[in-house]
């Protein structure tokens, strides 16, 4: 399949690995961080609270709280079958809603860091998925046009990011079954 593309970009969590993260605990910690700063979080999901933190000037504190769960979760992550298709004969990137450090830890733990040419995490740029900017940044680094690249992921956010970046998208379940 990579022969059809000049670059392949993967999501991380749920695609290449499964981070050992209790996302309810993360949401609770982020809620505590924002409430301590006087921000009403009622009815907001974790990712809504991340956006709210940016609007209110507390993104660094929220990023730190989330990353405090993601880094250890990356160390204890489960290798998923799609990771076994690496290395590829084209540039490979990871574009994730996880922090960049967690991505790099997971790739190292599973021995594939040398097979991934670039990583963009949630905290690598000011924008994160489903904004297309992280995917565009990877493709610019590879000097590959969006029409010649594939993004493989496991969520609607991944599919939306690929569509917005004018890239082909493939669900991990479809790629793994090939």
N, C-alpha and C. Protein backbone atom coordinates (compact mmCIF):
# COMPACT_ATOMS: atom_id res chain seq x y z
N UNK A 1 0.81 -1.20 0.00
CA UNK A 1 0.00 0.00 0.00
C UNK A 1 0.85 1.26 0.00
N UNK A 2 2.01 1.27 0.68
CA UNK A 2 2.84 2.47 0.70
C UNK A 2 3.40 2.79 -0.68
N UNK A 3 3.45 1.80 -1.56
CA UNK A 3 3.95 2.04 -2.92
C UNK A 3 3.04 3.00 -3.68
N UNK A 4 1.79 3.12 -3.24
CA UNK A 4 0.84 4.03 -3.87
C UNK A 4 1.01 5.48 -3.42
N UNK A 5 1.84 5.71 -2.42
CA UNK A 5 1.99 7.04 -1.81
C UNK A 5 3.47 7.39 -1.66
N UNK A 6 3.72 8.70 -1.61
CA UNK A 6 5.08 9.19 -1.39
C UNK A 6 5.38 9.41 0.09
N UNK A 7 4.36 9.31 0.95
CA UNK A 7 4.53 9.41 2.41
C UNK A 7 3.30 8.81 3.07
N UNK A 8 3.50 8.24 4.26
CA UNK A 8 2.40 7.72 5.06
C UNK A 8 2.52 8.33 6.45
N UNK A 9 1.40 8.84 6.95
CA UNK A 9 1.33 9.42 8.29
C UNK A 9 0.33 8.61 9.09
N UNK A 10 0.71 8.30 10.32
CA UNK A 10 -0.15 7.53 11.21
C UNK A 10 -0.56 8.37 12.41
N UNK A 11 -1.77 8.13 12.89
CA UNK A 11 -2.15 8.53 14.23
C UNK A 11 -1.38 7.58 15.17
N UNK A 12 -1.30 7.92 16.45
CA UNK A 12 -0.56 7.05 17.37
C UNK A 12 -1.50 6.15 18.18
N UNK A 13 -2.22 6.74 19.13
CA UNK A 13 -3.03 5.99 20.08
C UNK A 13 -4.27 5.41 19.39
N UNK A 14 -4.36 4.09 19.42
CA UNK A 14 -5.47 3.42 18.76
C UNK A 14 -5.13 2.98 17.34
N UNK A 15 -3.98 3.42 16.87
CA UNK A 15 -3.55 3.07 15.51
C UNK A 15 -2.27 2.24 15.55
N UNK A 16 -1.22 2.78 16.12
CA UNK A 16 0.05 2.05 16.23
C UNK A 16 0.23 1.41 17.60
N UNK A 17 -0.23 2.10 18.63
CA UNK A 17 -0.15 1.60 20.01
C UNK A 17 -1.44 1.98 20.73
N UNK A 18 -1.63 1.40 21.91
CA UNK A 18 -2.71 1.84 22.78
C UNK A 18 -2.06 2.31 24.08
N UNK A 19 -2.16 3.62 24.32
CA UNK A 19 -1.58 4.17 25.54
C UNK A 19 -2.35 3.66 26.75
N UNK A 20 -1.62 3.38 27.82
CA UNK A 20 -2.23 2.93 29.07
C UNK A 20 -2.60 4.17 29.89
N UNK A 21 -3.66 4.83 29.46
CA UNK A 21 -4.09 6.08 30.09
C UNK A 21 -5.55 5.95 30.51
N UNK A 22 -5.83 6.34 31.73
CA UNK A 22 -7.21 6.42 32.22
C UNK A 22 -7.71 7.82 31.87
N UNK A 23 -8.42 7.93 30.75
CA UNK A 23 -8.83 9.24 30.25
C UNK A 23 -9.84 9.92 31.16
N UNK A 24 -10.59 9.15 31.95
CA UNK A 24 -11.49 9.77 32.93
C UNK A 24 -10.68 10.47 34.02
N UNK A 25 -9.59 9.84 34.44
CA UNK A 25 -8.71 10.46 35.45
C UNK A 25 -8.06 11.72 34.87
N UNK A 26 -7.68 11.68 33.60
CA UNK A 26 -7.10 12.86 32.95
C UNK A 26 -8.12 14.00 32.97
N UNK A 27 -9.35 13.70 32.56
CA UNK A 27 -10.39 14.72 32.53
C UNK A 27 -10.62 15.30 33.92
N UNK A 28 -10.60 14.46 34.93
CA UNK A 28 -10.79 14.92 36.31
C UNK A 28 -9.66 15.86 36.73
N UNK A 29 -8.42 15.48 36.40
CA UNK A 29 -7.27 16.34 36.74
C UNK A 29 -7.33 17.67 36.00
N UNK A 30 -7.71 17.65 34.73
CA UNK A 30 -7.82 18.89 33.95
C UNK A 30 -8.94 19.75 34.52
N UNK A 31 -10.03 19.12 34.89
CA UNK A 31 -11.13 19.84 35.53
C UNK A 31 -10.64 20.54 36.80
N UNK A 32 -9.86 19.83 37.62
CA UNK A 32 -9.30 20.42 38.85
C UNK A 32 -8.40 21.62 38.53
N UNK A 33 -7.55 21.47 37.51
CA UNK A 33 -6.63 22.54 37.12
C UNK A 33 -7.42 23.79 36.73
N UNK A 34 -8.44 23.61 35.92
CA UNK A 34 -9.21 24.77 35.45
C UNK A 34 -10.08 25.36 36.55
N UNK A 35 -10.70 24.51 37.36
CA UNK A 35 -11.53 25.03 38.45
C UNK A 35 -10.68 25.82 39.45
N UNK A 36 -9.44 25.37 39.68
CA UNK A 36 -8.54 26.10 40.59
C UNK A 36 -8.20 27.48 40.04
N UNK A 37 -8.40 27.66 38.75
CA UNK A 37 -8.13 28.94 38.11
C UNK A 37 -9.42 29.71 37.82
N UNK A 38 -10.51 29.26 38.42
CA UNK A 38 -11.78 29.97 38.30
C UNK A 38 -12.53 29.75 37.01
N UNK A 39 -12.21 28.67 36.29
CA UNK A 39 -12.87 28.41 35.01
C UNK A 39 -13.99 27.38 35.24
N UNK A 40 -15.19 27.71 34.81
CA UNK A 40 -16.34 26.81 34.91
C UNK A 40 -16.22 25.75 33.81
N UNK A 41 -16.14 24.49 34.21
CA UNK A 41 -15.95 23.41 33.26
C UNK A 41 -17.19 22.53 33.11
N UNK A 42 -18.28 22.90 33.72
CA UNK A 42 -19.49 22.08 33.72
C UNK A 42 -19.91 21.72 32.29
N UNK A 43 -20.10 20.42 32.08
CA UNK A 43 -20.58 19.95 30.79
C UNK A 43 -19.53 19.85 29.70
N UNK A 44 -18.27 20.07 30.02
CA UNK A 44 -17.21 20.06 29.01
C UNK A 44 -16.44 18.74 29.04
N UNK A 45 -16.19 18.19 27.86
CA UNK A 45 -15.34 17.00 27.73
C UNK A 45 -13.88 17.42 27.91
N UNK A 46 -13.01 16.44 27.97
CA UNK A 46 -11.58 16.72 28.10
C UNK A 46 -11.10 17.63 26.98
N UNK A 47 -11.46 17.32 25.73
CA UNK A 47 -10.96 18.10 24.61
C UNK A 47 -11.63 19.47 24.56
N UNK A 48 -12.87 19.55 25.03
CA UNK A 48 -13.50 20.87 25.17
C UNK A 48 -12.75 21.71 26.20
N UNK A 49 -12.34 21.06 27.30
CA UNK A 49 -11.60 21.79 28.34
C UNK A 49 -10.24 22.25 27.83
N UNK A 50 -9.62 21.47 26.96
CA UNK A 50 -8.35 21.90 26.36
C UNK A 50 -8.57 23.18 25.56
N UNK A 51 -9.62 23.20 24.74
CA UNK A 51 -9.93 24.42 23.98
C UNK A 51 -10.27 25.58 24.90
N UNK A 52 -11.04 25.31 25.93
CA UNK A 52 -11.40 26.34 26.91
C UNK A 52 -10.15 26.88 27.60
N UNK A 53 -9.20 26.00 27.89
CA UNK A 53 -7.96 26.44 28.56
C UNK A 53 -7.18 27.41 27.68
N UNK A 54 -7.22 27.16 26.38
CA UNK A 54 -6.52 28.06 25.46
C UNK A 54 -7.20 29.43 25.44
N UNK A 55 -8.51 29.43 25.39
CA UNK A 55 -9.27 30.69 25.38
C UNK A 55 -9.03 31.50 26.65
N UNK A 56 -8.82 30.81 27.76
CA UNK A 56 -8.68 31.48 29.05
C UNK A 56 -7.24 31.67 29.49
N UNK A 57 -6.29 31.27 28.64
CA UNK A 57 -4.87 31.49 28.95
C UNK A 57 -4.27 30.47 29.91
N UNK A 58 -4.84 29.28 29.96
CA UNK A 58 -4.34 28.25 30.88
C UNK A 58 -3.88 26.99 30.15
N UNK A 59 -3.60 27.11 28.87
CA UNK A 59 -3.27 25.91 28.10
C UNK A 59 -2.01 25.22 28.62
N UNK A 60 -1.00 25.97 29.02
CA UNK A 60 0.23 25.34 29.50
C UNK A 60 -0.05 24.44 30.71
N UNK A 61 -0.88 24.92 31.65
CA UNK A 61 -1.19 24.13 32.84
C UNK A 61 -1.98 22.88 32.46
N UNK A 62 -2.92 23.02 31.54
CA UNK A 62 -3.71 21.88 31.11
C UNK A 62 -2.86 20.89 30.32
N UNK A 63 -2.01 21.39 29.44
CA UNK A 63 -1.10 20.51 28.69
C UNK A 63 -0.24 19.70 29.65
N UNK A 64 0.27 20.35 30.68
CA UNK A 64 1.10 19.67 31.66
C UNK A 64 0.32 18.56 32.37
N UNK A 65 -0.91 18.86 32.75
CA UNK A 65 -1.74 17.86 33.44
C UNK A 65 -2.01 16.66 32.55
N UNK A 66 -2.30 16.90 31.27
CA UNK A 66 -2.57 15.79 30.34
C UNK A 66 -1.30 14.99 30.10
N UNK A 67 -0.21 15.69 29.84
CA UNK A 67 1.06 15.01 29.55
C UNK A 67 1.55 14.18 30.74
N UNK A 68 1.21 14.61 31.96
CA UNK A 68 1.60 13.84 33.15
C UNK A 68 0.97 12.44 33.14
N UNK A 69 -0.11 12.27 32.44
CA UNK A 69 -0.73 10.95 32.28
C UNK A 69 -0.23 10.25 31.01
N UNK A 70 -0.02 11.01 29.96
CA UNK A 70 0.36 10.41 28.67
C UNK A 70 1.76 9.81 28.67
N UNK A 71 2.72 10.50 29.28
CA UNK A 71 4.09 9.97 29.25
C UNK A 71 4.20 8.60 29.92
N UNK A 72 3.70 8.42 31.16
CA UNK A 72 3.74 7.07 31.73
C UNK A 72 2.88 6.08 30.94
N UNK A 73 1.76 6.56 30.41
CA UNK A 73 0.90 5.70 29.59
C UNK A 73 1.60 5.23 28.33
N UNK A 74 2.50 6.04 27.81
CA UNK A 74 3.29 5.64 26.63
C UNK A 74 4.31 4.56 27.02
N UNK A 75 4.89 4.70 28.21
CA UNK A 75 5.87 3.71 28.66
C UNK A 75 5.23 2.33 28.82
N UNK A 76 3.96 2.32 29.21
CA UNK A 76 3.24 1.07 29.43
C UNK A 76 2.30 0.72 28.28
N UNK A 77 2.51 1.34 27.14
CA UNK A 77 1.58 1.17 26.01
C UNK A 77 1.63 -0.24 25.43
N UNK A 78 0.53 -0.58 24.81
CA UNK A 78 0.39 -1.88 24.13
C UNK A 78 0.69 -1.69 22.65
N UNK A 79 1.52 -2.53 22.13
CA UNK A 79 1.84 -2.53 20.70
C UNK A 79 0.63 -3.05 19.93
N UNK A 80 0.20 -2.34 18.90
CA UNK A 80 -0.91 -2.79 18.06
C UNK A 80 -0.35 -3.38 16.75
N UNK A 81 -1.10 -4.26 16.10
CA UNK A 81 -0.59 -4.98 14.92
C UNK A 81 -0.06 -4.10 13.79
N UNK A 82 -0.65 -2.93 13.58
CA UNK A 82 -0.23 -2.09 12.46
C UNK A 82 1.22 -1.61 12.61
N UNK A 83 1.71 -1.57 13.83
CA UNK A 83 3.10 -1.15 14.05
C UNK A 83 4.08 -2.07 13.33
N UNK A 84 3.67 -3.30 13.10
CA UNK A 84 4.55 -4.28 12.45
C UNK A 84 4.77 -4.01 10.98
N UNK A 85 4.02 -3.08 10.37
CA UNK A 85 4.27 -2.79 8.96
C UNK A 85 5.46 -1.85 8.78
N UNK A 86 5.97 -1.30 9.87
CA UNK A 86 7.16 -0.44 9.78
C UNK A 86 8.40 -1.32 9.76
N UNK A 87 9.43 -0.96 9.01
CA UNK A 87 9.60 0.27 8.24
C UNK A 87 8.92 0.21 6.88
N UNK A 88 8.67 1.39 6.35
CA UNK A 88 8.16 1.53 4.99
C UNK A 88 9.27 2.09 4.12
N UNK A 89 9.06 2.07 2.82
CA UNK A 89 10.06 2.58 1.88
C UNK A 89 9.79 4.02 1.47
N UNK A 90 8.91 4.71 2.21
CA UNK A 90 8.61 6.12 2.00
C UNK A 90 8.70 6.82 3.35
N UNK A 91 8.80 8.15 3.37
CA UNK A 91 8.81 8.84 4.66
C UNK A 91 7.57 8.52 5.48
N UNK A 92 7.78 8.37 6.79
CA UNK A 92 6.71 8.02 7.73
C UNK A 92 6.64 9.10 8.80
N UNK A 93 5.41 9.54 9.08
CA UNK A 93 5.19 10.50 10.15
C UNK A 93 4.15 10.00 11.13
N UNK A 94 4.16 10.61 12.31
CA UNK A 94 3.12 10.38 13.30
C UNK A 94 2.51 11.74 13.59
N UNK A 95 1.18 11.80 13.52
CA UNK A 95 0.42 13.00 13.84
C UNK A 95 -0.62 12.59 14.87
N UNK A 96 -0.48 13.13 16.09
CA UNK A 96 -1.28 12.63 17.20
C UNK A 96 -1.88 13.74 18.04
N UNK A 97 -3.01 13.42 18.68
CA UNK A 97 -3.58 14.30 19.70
C UNK A 97 -2.88 14.11 21.03
N UNK A 98 -1.95 13.16 21.12
CA UNK A 98 -1.14 13.00 22.32
C UNK A 98 0.02 13.97 22.25
N UNK A 99 0.61 14.26 23.42
CA UNK A 99 1.75 15.16 23.42
C UNK A 99 2.92 14.50 22.67
N UNK A 100 3.77 15.33 22.11
CA UNK A 100 4.88 14.82 21.31
C UNK A 100 5.79 13.90 22.12
N UNK A 101 6.04 14.25 23.39
CA UNK A 101 6.92 13.41 24.21
C UNK A 101 6.35 12.01 24.36
N UNK A 102 5.05 11.88 24.58
CA UNK A 102 4.44 10.56 24.72
C UNK A 102 4.57 9.77 23.42
N UNK A 103 4.40 10.44 22.30
CA UNK A 103 4.56 9.77 21.00
C UNK A 103 5.97 9.21 20.88
N UNK A 104 6.95 10.03 21.19
CA UNK A 104 8.34 9.60 21.05
C UNK A 104 8.68 8.46 22.02
N UNK A 105 8.14 8.54 23.24
CA UNK A 105 8.37 7.47 24.22
C UNK A 105 7.79 6.16 23.70
N UNK A 106 6.55 6.18 23.22
CA UNK A 106 5.91 4.96 22.73
C UNK A 106 6.69 4.37 21.55
N UNK A 107 7.12 5.22 20.64
CA UNK A 107 7.88 4.73 19.48
C UNK A 107 9.19 4.10 19.94
N UNK A 108 9.85 4.71 20.91
CA UNK A 108 11.11 4.17 21.43
C UNK A 108 10.87 2.86 22.17
N UNK A 109 9.88 2.82 23.04
CA UNK A 109 9.57 1.61 23.82
C UNK A 109 9.35 0.42 22.90
N UNK A 110 8.72 0.67 21.78
CA UNK A 110 8.39 -0.42 20.85
C UNK A 110 9.43 -0.59 19.73
N UNK A 111 10.54 0.15 19.83
CA UNK A 111 11.67 -0.07 18.94
C UNK A 111 11.49 0.39 17.51
N UNK A 112 10.63 1.35 17.28
CA UNK A 112 10.40 1.81 15.90
C UNK A 112 10.75 3.28 15.69
N UNK A 113 11.35 3.91 16.68
CA UNK A 113 11.65 5.34 16.54
C UNK A 113 12.51 5.62 15.31
N UNK A 114 13.37 4.72 14.93
CA UNK A 114 14.21 4.88 13.75
C UNK A 114 13.47 4.72 12.44
N UNK A 115 12.24 4.24 12.50
CA UNK A 115 11.43 4.05 11.29
C UNK A 115 10.40 5.17 11.09
N UNK A 116 10.40 6.13 11.99
CA UNK A 116 9.48 7.27 11.89
C UNK A 116 10.34 8.51 11.68
N UNK A 117 10.09 9.21 10.59
CA UNK A 117 10.92 10.35 10.21
C UNK A 117 10.56 11.65 10.91
N UNK A 118 9.30 11.81 11.33
CA UNK A 118 8.88 13.05 11.98
C UNK A 118 7.64 12.79 12.83
N UNK A 119 7.53 13.54 13.92
CA UNK A 119 6.41 13.42 14.85
C UNK A 119 5.85 14.80 15.13
N UNK A 120 4.53 14.91 15.04
CA UNK A 120 3.83 16.13 15.44
C UNK A 120 2.76 15.72 16.45
N UNK A 121 2.94 16.20 17.66
CA UNK A 121 1.95 15.93 18.71
C UNK A 121 1.04 17.12 18.91
N UNK A 122 0.13 16.96 19.85
CA UNK A 122 -0.84 18.00 20.15
C UNK A 122 -0.15 19.32 20.55
N UNK A 123 0.99 19.20 21.18
CA UNK A 123 1.69 20.37 21.69
C UNK A 123 2.85 20.84 20.80
N UNK A 124 3.01 20.24 19.63
CA UNK A 124 4.11 20.60 18.73
C UNK A 124 3.86 21.93 18.02
N UNK A 125 2.61 22.21 17.72
CA UNK A 125 2.20 23.42 17.02
C UNK A 125 1.09 24.08 17.82
N UNK A 126 0.68 25.25 17.42
CA UNK A 126 -0.44 25.89 18.11
C UNK A 126 -1.76 25.25 17.74
N UNK A 127 -1.82 24.54 16.63
CA UNK A 127 -3.04 23.87 16.17
C UNK A 127 -2.87 22.36 16.32
N UNK A 128 -3.97 21.67 16.52
CA UNK A 128 -3.94 20.21 16.62
C UNK A 128 -5.17 19.65 15.92
N UNK A 129 -5.12 18.33 15.62
CA UNK A 129 -6.20 17.69 14.90
C UNK A 129 -7.54 17.97 15.59
N UNK A 130 -8.59 18.20 14.82
CA UNK A 130 -8.75 17.96 13.40
C UNK A 130 -8.29 19.10 12.48
N UNK A 131 -7.66 20.14 13.03
CA UNK A 131 -7.08 21.18 12.19
C UNK A 131 -6.06 20.49 11.27
N UNK A 132 -6.00 20.86 10.01
CA UNK A 132 -5.07 20.20 9.08
C UNK A 132 -3.61 20.65 9.23
N UNK A 133 -3.35 21.69 10.01
CA UNK A 133 -1.99 22.23 10.10
C UNK A 133 -0.94 21.19 10.51
N UNK A 134 -1.19 20.31 11.47
CA UNK A 134 -0.16 19.32 11.81
C UNK A 134 0.17 18.38 10.65
N UNK A 135 -0.84 17.95 9.92
CA UNK A 135 -0.58 17.09 8.76
C UNK A 135 0.18 17.86 7.69
N UNK A 136 -0.21 19.09 7.45
CA UNK A 136 0.49 19.91 6.45
C UNK A 136 1.94 20.14 6.84
N UNK A 137 2.20 20.30 8.14
CA UNK A 137 3.58 20.51 8.60
C UNK A 137 4.44 19.28 8.31
N UNK A 138 3.89 18.10 8.56
CA UNK A 138 4.63 16.88 8.26
C UNK A 138 4.91 16.76 6.77
N UNK A 139 3.89 17.01 5.95
CA UNK A 139 4.08 16.89 4.50
C UNK A 139 5.08 17.91 3.98
N UNK A 140 5.07 19.10 4.56
CA UNK A 140 6.06 20.12 4.16
C UNK A 140 7.47 19.64 4.51
N UNK A 141 7.61 19.03 5.69
CA UNK A 141 8.92 18.50 6.09
C UNK A 141 9.38 17.40 5.12
N UNK A 142 8.44 16.61 4.62
CA UNK A 142 8.77 15.54 3.68
C UNK A 142 8.83 16.03 2.24
N UNK A 143 8.42 17.28 1.99
CA UNK A 143 8.32 17.83 0.65
C UNK A 143 7.44 16.94 -0.24
N UNK A 144 6.27 16.58 0.31
CA UNK A 144 5.31 15.72 -0.36
C UNK A 144 3.98 16.45 -0.43
N UNK A 145 3.34 16.40 -1.58
CA UNK A 145 2.04 17.06 -1.72
C UNK A 145 0.96 16.22 -1.04
N UNK A 146 -0.09 16.86 -0.53
CA UNK A 146 -1.16 16.13 0.13
C UNK A 146 -1.77 15.03 -0.74
N UNK A 147 -1.86 15.26 -2.02
CA UNK A 147 -2.47 14.26 -2.91
C UNK A 147 -1.61 13.00 -3.05
N UNK A 148 -0.36 13.07 -2.61
CA UNK A 148 0.55 11.93 -2.71
C UNK A 148 0.80 11.27 -1.35
N UNK A 149 -0.04 11.61 -0.35
CA UNK A 149 0.18 11.10 1.00
C UNK A 149 -1.08 10.44 1.55
N UNK A 150 -0.88 9.54 2.49
CA UNK A 150 -1.96 8.82 3.14
C UNK A 150 -1.88 9.06 4.65
N UNK A 151 -3.03 9.29 5.28
CA UNK A 151 -3.12 9.36 6.73
C UNK A 151 -3.94 8.17 7.21
N UNK A 152 -3.38 7.42 8.15
CA UNK A 152 -4.04 6.24 8.71
C UNK A 152 -4.41 6.55 10.16
N UNK A 153 -5.68 6.37 10.49
CA UNK A 153 -6.11 6.67 11.85
C UNK A 153 -7.31 5.87 12.28
N UNK A 154 -7.79 6.20 13.49
CA UNK A 154 -8.86 5.42 14.09
C UNK A 154 -10.05 6.25 14.56
N UNK A 155 -10.07 7.55 14.24
CA UNK A 155 -11.14 8.40 14.77
C UNK A 155 -11.70 9.33 13.71
N UNK A 156 -12.87 9.84 13.99
CA UNK A 156 -13.47 10.84 13.11
C UNK A 156 -12.58 12.08 13.02
N UNK A 157 -11.92 12.43 14.12
CA UNK A 157 -11.00 13.56 14.12
C UNK A 157 -9.87 13.35 13.11
N UNK A 158 -9.38 12.11 13.03
CA UNK A 158 -8.34 11.78 12.05
C UNK A 158 -8.88 11.92 10.63
N UNK A 159 -10.06 11.37 10.39
CA UNK A 159 -10.66 11.44 9.05
C UNK A 159 -10.91 12.89 8.65
N UNK A 160 -11.38 13.69 9.60
CA UNK A 160 -11.64 15.11 9.32
C UNK A 160 -10.36 15.85 9.01
N UNK A 161 -9.31 15.59 9.80
CA UNK A 161 -8.02 16.25 9.56
C UNK A 161 -7.49 15.91 8.17
N UNK A 162 -7.58 14.65 7.79
CA UNK A 162 -7.11 14.24 6.46
C UNK A 162 -7.90 14.93 5.36
N UNK A 163 -9.20 14.95 5.50
CA UNK A 163 -10.04 15.60 4.48
C UNK A 163 -9.69 17.09 4.38
N UNK A 164 -9.52 17.75 5.52
CA UNK A 164 -9.18 19.18 5.52
C UNK A 164 -7.80 19.44 4.93
N UNK A 165 -6.91 18.46 5.05
CA UNK A 165 -5.55 18.59 4.50
C UNK A 165 -5.48 18.12 3.05
N UNK A 166 -6.58 17.66 2.50
CA UNK A 166 -6.66 17.13 1.12
C UNK A 166 -5.81 15.88 0.93
N UNK A 167 -5.78 15.05 1.98
CA UNK A 167 -5.04 13.79 1.94
C UNK A 167 -6.01 12.62 1.86
N UNK A 168 -5.54 11.51 1.31
CA UNK A 168 -6.30 10.28 1.41
C UNK A 168 -6.27 9.82 2.87
N UNK A 169 -7.34 9.13 3.27
CA UNK A 169 -7.44 8.62 4.63
C UNK A 169 -7.80 7.15 4.58
N UNK A 170 -7.25 6.39 5.52
CA UNK A 170 -7.61 4.99 5.65
C UNK A 170 -7.81 4.67 7.13
N UNK A 171 -8.91 4.00 7.43
CA UNK A 171 -9.16 3.56 8.80
C UNK A 171 -8.18 2.45 9.13
N UNK A 172 -7.67 2.47 10.35
CA UNK A 172 -6.71 1.45 10.78
C UNK A 172 -7.29 0.05 10.61
N UNK A 173 -8.56 -0.12 10.88
CA UNK A 173 -9.18 -1.45 10.76
C UNK A 173 -9.15 -1.94 9.32
N UNK A 174 -9.26 -1.03 8.35
CA UNK A 174 -9.19 -1.41 6.94
C UNK A 174 -7.76 -1.76 6.55
N UNK A 175 -6.82 -0.97 7.01
CA UNK A 175 -5.42 -1.19 6.65
C UNK A 175 -4.92 -2.49 7.26
N UNK A 176 -5.31 -2.73 8.51
CA UNK A 176 -4.84 -3.94 9.19
C UNK A 176 -5.41 -5.20 8.56
N UNK A 177 -6.59 -5.11 7.97
CA UNK A 177 -7.21 -6.30 7.39
C UNK A 177 -6.68 -6.63 6.00
N UNK A 178 -5.86 -5.73 5.41
CA UNK A 178 -5.33 -5.99 4.06
C UNK A 178 -4.36 -7.16 4.04
